[in-house]
C-alpha atoms as a PDB file:
ATOM      1  CA  MET A   1       0.345  -0.012   0.176  1.00  0.00           C
ATOM      2  CA  PHE A   2       0.834   3.311  -0.758  1.00  0.00           C
ATOM      3  CA  GLU A   3       2.248   5.703   2.157  1.00  0.00           C
ATOM      4  CA  GLY A   4      -0.818   7.948   3.775  1.00  0.00           C
ATOM      5  CA  VAL A   5      -3.651   5.855   1.560  1.00  0.00           C
ATOM      6  CA  PRO A   6      -5.151   4.982   4.606  1.00  0.00           C
ATOM      7  CA  GLN A   7      -4.706   8.776   5.914  1.00  0.00           C
ATOM      8  CA  THR A   8      -5.828  10.814   2.887  1.00  0.00           C
ATOM      9  CA  LEU A   9      -9.482   8.383   2.098  1.00  0.00           C
ATOM     10  CA  ASP A  10      -9.967   9.107   5.513  1.00  0.00           C
ATOM     11  CA  TYR A  11     -10.136  12.562   5.277  1.00  0.00           C
ATOM     12  CA  LEU A  12     -11.503  12.435   1.671  1.00  0.00           C
ATOM     13  CA  ALA A  13     -14.526  10.277   3.010  1.00  0.00           C
ATOM     14  CA  GLY A  14     -15.388  13.006   5.279  1.00  0.00           C
ATOM     15  CA  ARG A  15     -16.175  15.197   2.443  1.00  0.00           C
ATOM     16  CA  HIS A  16     -16.958  13.572  -0.685  1.00  0.00           C
ATOM     17  CA  HIS A  17     -18.758  10.403  -1.736  1.00  0.00           C
ATOM     18  CA  LEU A  18     -15.713   7.911  -2.776  1.00  0.00           C
ATOM     19  CA  ILE A  19     -16.730   5.040  -5.130  1.00  0.00           C
ATOM     20  CA  LEU A  20     -14.253   2.440  -5.704  1.00  0.00           C
ATOM     21  CA  LEU A  21     -13.597   1.471  -9.008  1.00  0.00           C
ATOM     22  CA  THR A  22     -11.820  -1.497 -10.434  1.00  0.00           C
ATOM     23  CA  LYS A  23     -11.647  -4.473 -13.698  1.00  0.00           C
ATOM     24  CA  GLY A  24     -10.908  -8.278 -13.290  1.00  0.00           C
ATOM     25  CA  ASN A  25     -12.587 -11.127 -11.607  1.00  0.00           C
ATOM     26  CA  VAL A  26     -14.931 -10.019  -9.263  1.00  0.00           C
ATOM     27  CA  THR A  27     -14.545 -12.563  -6.918  1.00  0.00           C
ATOM     28  CA  GLU A  28     -10.402 -12.005  -7.148  1.00  0.00           C
ATOM     29  CA  GLN A  29     -10.790  -8.382  -6.608  1.00  0.00           C
ATOM     30  CA  SER A  30     -13.047  -8.819  -3.644  1.00  0.00           C
ATOM     31  CA  GLY A  31     -11.111 -10.482  -1.986  1.00  0.00           C
ATOM     32  CA  LYS A  32      -8.817  -7.937  -2.405  1.00  0.00           C
ATOM     33  CA  VAL A  33     -10.622  -5.568  -1.404  1.00  0.00           C
ATOM     34  CA  GLU A  34     -11.615  -6.626   1.127  1.00  0.00           C
ATOM     35  CA  ARG A  35      -8.047  -7.931   2.373  1.00  0.00           C
ATOM     36  CA  SER A  36      -7.024  -4.384   1.490  1.00  0.00           C
ATOM     37  CA  GLY A  37      -9.107  -2.697   5.039  1.00  0.00           C
ATOM     38  CA  LEU A  38     -10.085  -0.093   3.245  1.00  0.00           C
ATOM     39  CA  LYS A  39     -13.598  -1.045   2.110  1.00  0.00           C
ATOM     40  CA  ALA A  40     -15.307   0.871   4.683  1.00  0.00           C
ATOM     41  CA  TYR A  41     -13.934   4.869   2.972  1.00  0.00           C
ATOM     42  CA  PHE A  42     -16.243   3.894   0.361  1.00  0.00           C
ATOM     43  CA  ALA A  43     -20.189   4.445  -0.534  1.00  0.00           C
ATOM     44  CA  ALA A  44     -20.196   1.645  -3.084  1.00  0.00           C
ATOM     45  CA  ILE A  45     -17.621  -0.217  -4.993  1.00  0.00           C
ATOM     46  CA  GLU A  46     -18.065  -1.447  -8.602  1.00  0.00           C
ATOM     47  CA  ILE A  47     -15.654  -3.655 -10.437  1.00  0.00           C
ATOM     48  CA  LEU A  48     -16.066  -3.451 -13.962  1.00  0.00           C
ATOM     49  CA  HIS A  49     -15.109  -6.036 -16.495  1.00  0.00           C
ATOM     50  CA  GLU A  50     -12.977  -4.084 -18.380  1.00  0.00           C
ATOM     51  CA  LYS A  51     -12.723  -0.037 -17.561  1.00  0.00           C
ATOM     52  CA  ASP A  52     -13.517   1.818 -20.786  1.00  0.00           C
ATOM     53  CA  ALA A  53     -15.944   4.283 -21.441  1.00  0.00           C
ATOM     54  CA  ALA A  54     -18.980   2.001 -21.154  1.00  0.00           C
ATOM     55  CA  GLY A  55     -18.166   0.756 -17.881  1.00  0.00           C
ATOM     56  CA  TYR A  56     -17.593   4.497 -16.180  1.00  0.00           C
ATOM     57  CA  GLN A  57     -21.007   5.821 -18.161  1.00  0.00           C
ATOM     58  CA  SER A  58     -22.549   2.794 -16.848  1.00  0.00           C
ATOM     59  CA  VAL A  59     -21.036   3.824 -13.144  1.00  0.00           C
ATOM     60  CA  VAL A  60     -22.034   7.389 -13.450  1.00  0.00           C
ATOM     61  CA  THR A  61     -25.978   6.621 -15.171  1.00  0.00           C
ATOM     62  CA  LYS A  62     -26.148   4.027 -11.812  1.00  0.00           C
ATOM     63  CA  TYR A  63     -25.249   6.514  -9.271  1.00  0.00           C
ATOM     64  CA  GLY A  64     -26.783   9.452 -10.804  1.00  0.00           C
ATOM     65  CA  LEU A  65     -23.197  11.854 -10.584  1.00  0.00           C
ATOM     66  CA  ALA A  66     -22.761  14.914 -12.558  1.00  0.00           C
ATOM     67  CA  LYS A  67     -19.713  15.025 -14.149  1.00  0.00           C
ATOM     68  CA  GLY A  68     -18.241  17.753 -13.904  1.00  0.00           C
ATOM     69  CA  GLN A  69     -18.262  17.563 -10.470  1.00  0.00           C
ATOM     70  CA  THR A  70     -16.884  13.696 -10.379  1.00  0.00           C
ATOM     71  CA  TRP A  71     -13.170  12.529 -10.623  1.00  0.00           C
ATOM     72  CA  MET A  72     -11.741   9.260 -11.441  1.00  0.00           C
ATOM     73  CA  ILE A  73      -8.082   8.757  -9.310  1.00  0.00           C
ATOM     74  CA  GLY A  74      -6.103   6.805 -10.595  1.00  0.00           C
ATOM     75  CA  ASN A  75      -2.179   5.483 -12.600  1.00  0.00           C
ATOM     76  CA  SER A  76      -3.180   3.994 -15.585  1.00  0.00           C
ATOM     77  CA  PRO A  77      -4.243   6.273 -19.062  1.00  0.00           C
ATOM     78  CA  VAL A  78      -5.516   3.650 -20.281  1.00  0.00           C
ATOM     79  CA  SER A  79      -7.691   2.386 -17.225  1.00  0.00           C
ATOM     80  CA  ASP A  80      -8.863   5.014 -15.228  1.00  0.00           C
ATOM     81  CA  ILE A  81      -7.822   8.602 -16.990  1.00  0.00           C
ATOM     82  CA  ASN A  82      -8.648   8.650 -21.083  1.00  0.00           C
ATOM     83  CA  PRO A  83     -11.615   6.405 -20.512  1.00  0.00           C
ATOM     84  CA  ALA A  84     -13.233   8.598 -17.711  1.00  0.00           C
ATOM     85  CA  LEU A  85     -12.160  12.131 -19.773  1.00  0.00           C
ATOM     86  CA  GLN A  86     -13.517  10.179 -22.472  1.00  0.00           C
ATOM     87  CA  VAL A  87     -17.361  10.863 -20.840  1.00  0.00           C
ATOM     88  CA  GLY A  88     -16.817  14.096 -19.159  1.00  0.00           C
ATOM     89  CA  LEU A  89     -15.554  13.465 -15.516  1.00  0.00           C
ATOM     90  CA  ASN A  90     -12.628  14.822 -14.216  1.00  0.00           C
ATOM     91  CA  ALA A  91      -9.084  13.031 -14.035  1.00  0.00           C
ATOM     92  CA  VAL A  92      -6.441  12.618 -11.123  1.00  0.00           C
ATOM     93  CA  LEU A  93      -3.289  11.231 -12.670  1.00  0.00           C
ATOM     94  CA  ILE A  94      -0.634   9.718  -9.934  1.00  0.00           C
ATOM     95  CA  PRO A  95       2.296   8.465 -12.231  1.00  0.00           C
ATOM     96  CA  TYR A  96       3.444   5.313 -10.610  1.00  0.00           C
ATOM     97  CA  ASP A  97       7.139   3.763 -11.642  1.00  0.00           C
ATOM     98  CA  LEU A  98       5.605   0.011 -11.885  1.00  0.00           C
ATOM     99  CA  THR A  99       2.741   0.576 -13.338  1.00  0.00           C
ATOM    100  CA  TRP A 100       1.891  -1.953 -15.679  1.00  0.00           C
ATOM    101  CA  ALA A 101       2.891  -1.289 -19.524  1.00  0.00           C
ATOM    102  CA  LEU A 102       0.082  -2.018 -21.306  1.00  0.00           C
ATOM    103  CA  GLU A 103      -2.108   0.691 -19.438  1.00  0.00           C
ATOM    104  CA  ASN A 104       0.448   3.380 -20.100  1.00  0.00           C
ATOM    105  CA  ASP A 105      -0.219   4.991 -22.942  1.00  0.00           C
ATOM    106  CA  GLU A 106      -0.507   8.982 -23.834  1.00  0.00           C
ATOM    107  CA  VAL A 107      -3.595  11.680 -21.454  1.00  0.00           C
ATOM    108  CA  ARG A 108      -6.078  12.220 -24.315  1.00  0.00           C
ATOM    109  CA  ALA A 109      -7.670  15.231 -22.638  1.00  0.00           C
ATOM    110  CA  HIS A 110      -7.971  16.534 -25.212  1.00  0.00           C
ATOM    111  CA  GLY A 111     -10.736  17.915 -26.767  1.00  0.00           C
ATOM    112  CA  THR A 112     -13.220  16.398 -23.408  1.00  0.00           C
ATOM    113  CA  SER A 113     -14.838  18.338 -21.105  1.00  0.00           C
ATOM    114  CA  GLY A 114     -13.351  16.650 -18.290  1.00  0.00           C
ATOM    115  CA  ARG A 115      -9.743  18.902 -16.403  1.00  0.00           C
ATOM    116  CA  LEU A 116      -6.636  17.122 -15.367  1.00  0.00           C
ATOM    117  CA  LEU A 117      -4.592  16.684 -12.619  1.00  0.00           C
ATOM    118  CA  VAL A 118      -1.530  15.293 -12.210  1.00  0.00           C
ATOM    119  CA  ILE A 119       0.243  14.557  -8.419  1.00  0.00           C
ATOM    120  CA  GLU A 120       3.544  12.624  -7.156  1.00  0.00           C
ATOM    121  CA  ARG A 121       1.938  11.070  -3.926  1.00  0.00           C
ATOM    122  CA  PHE A 122      -1.775   9.395  -3.038  1.00  0.00           C
ATOM    123  CA  ALA A 123      -1.649  11.580  -0.169  1.00  0.00           C
ATOM    124  CA  ASP A 124      -0.528  14.381  -2.141  1.00  0.00           C
ATOM    125  CA  LEU A 125      -4.868  14.983  -2.937  1.00  0.00           C
ATOM    126  CA  ARG A 126      -5.370  15.902   0.579  1.00  0.00           C
ATOM    127  CA  ARG A 127      -3.840  19.307  -0.155  1.00  0.00           C
ATOM    128  CA  HIS A 128      -6.202  19.771  -3.805  1.00  0.00           C
ATOM    129  CA  PHE A 129     -10.012  17.996  -2.076  1.00  0.00           C
END
């Protein structure tokens, strides 16, 4: 776990409606969330087969999210940032040296209505939100 994650989630959960969005096998991902000890910080957990624009749009619709006020936070341009921006959400990119090569891509913020913020550490979210 990255430094400051529990403290930052505690801070954010007191101010915002947090939804954990991940992809993969439901049983495997649910187990990871349980073992992390972080589940209590989230109002909902969504496990998608693929984190793409259609998946993001389905979550926006399901929860009635206001796109201009909703932020996706992640380290993957492919699965976190670009699909979120594509559907009009805002995004926070936290680059990580060990991100899987297939998850790296050019960030495509141009031509989208979403805003992009790039920060160095997860704990830096406290300065912005």
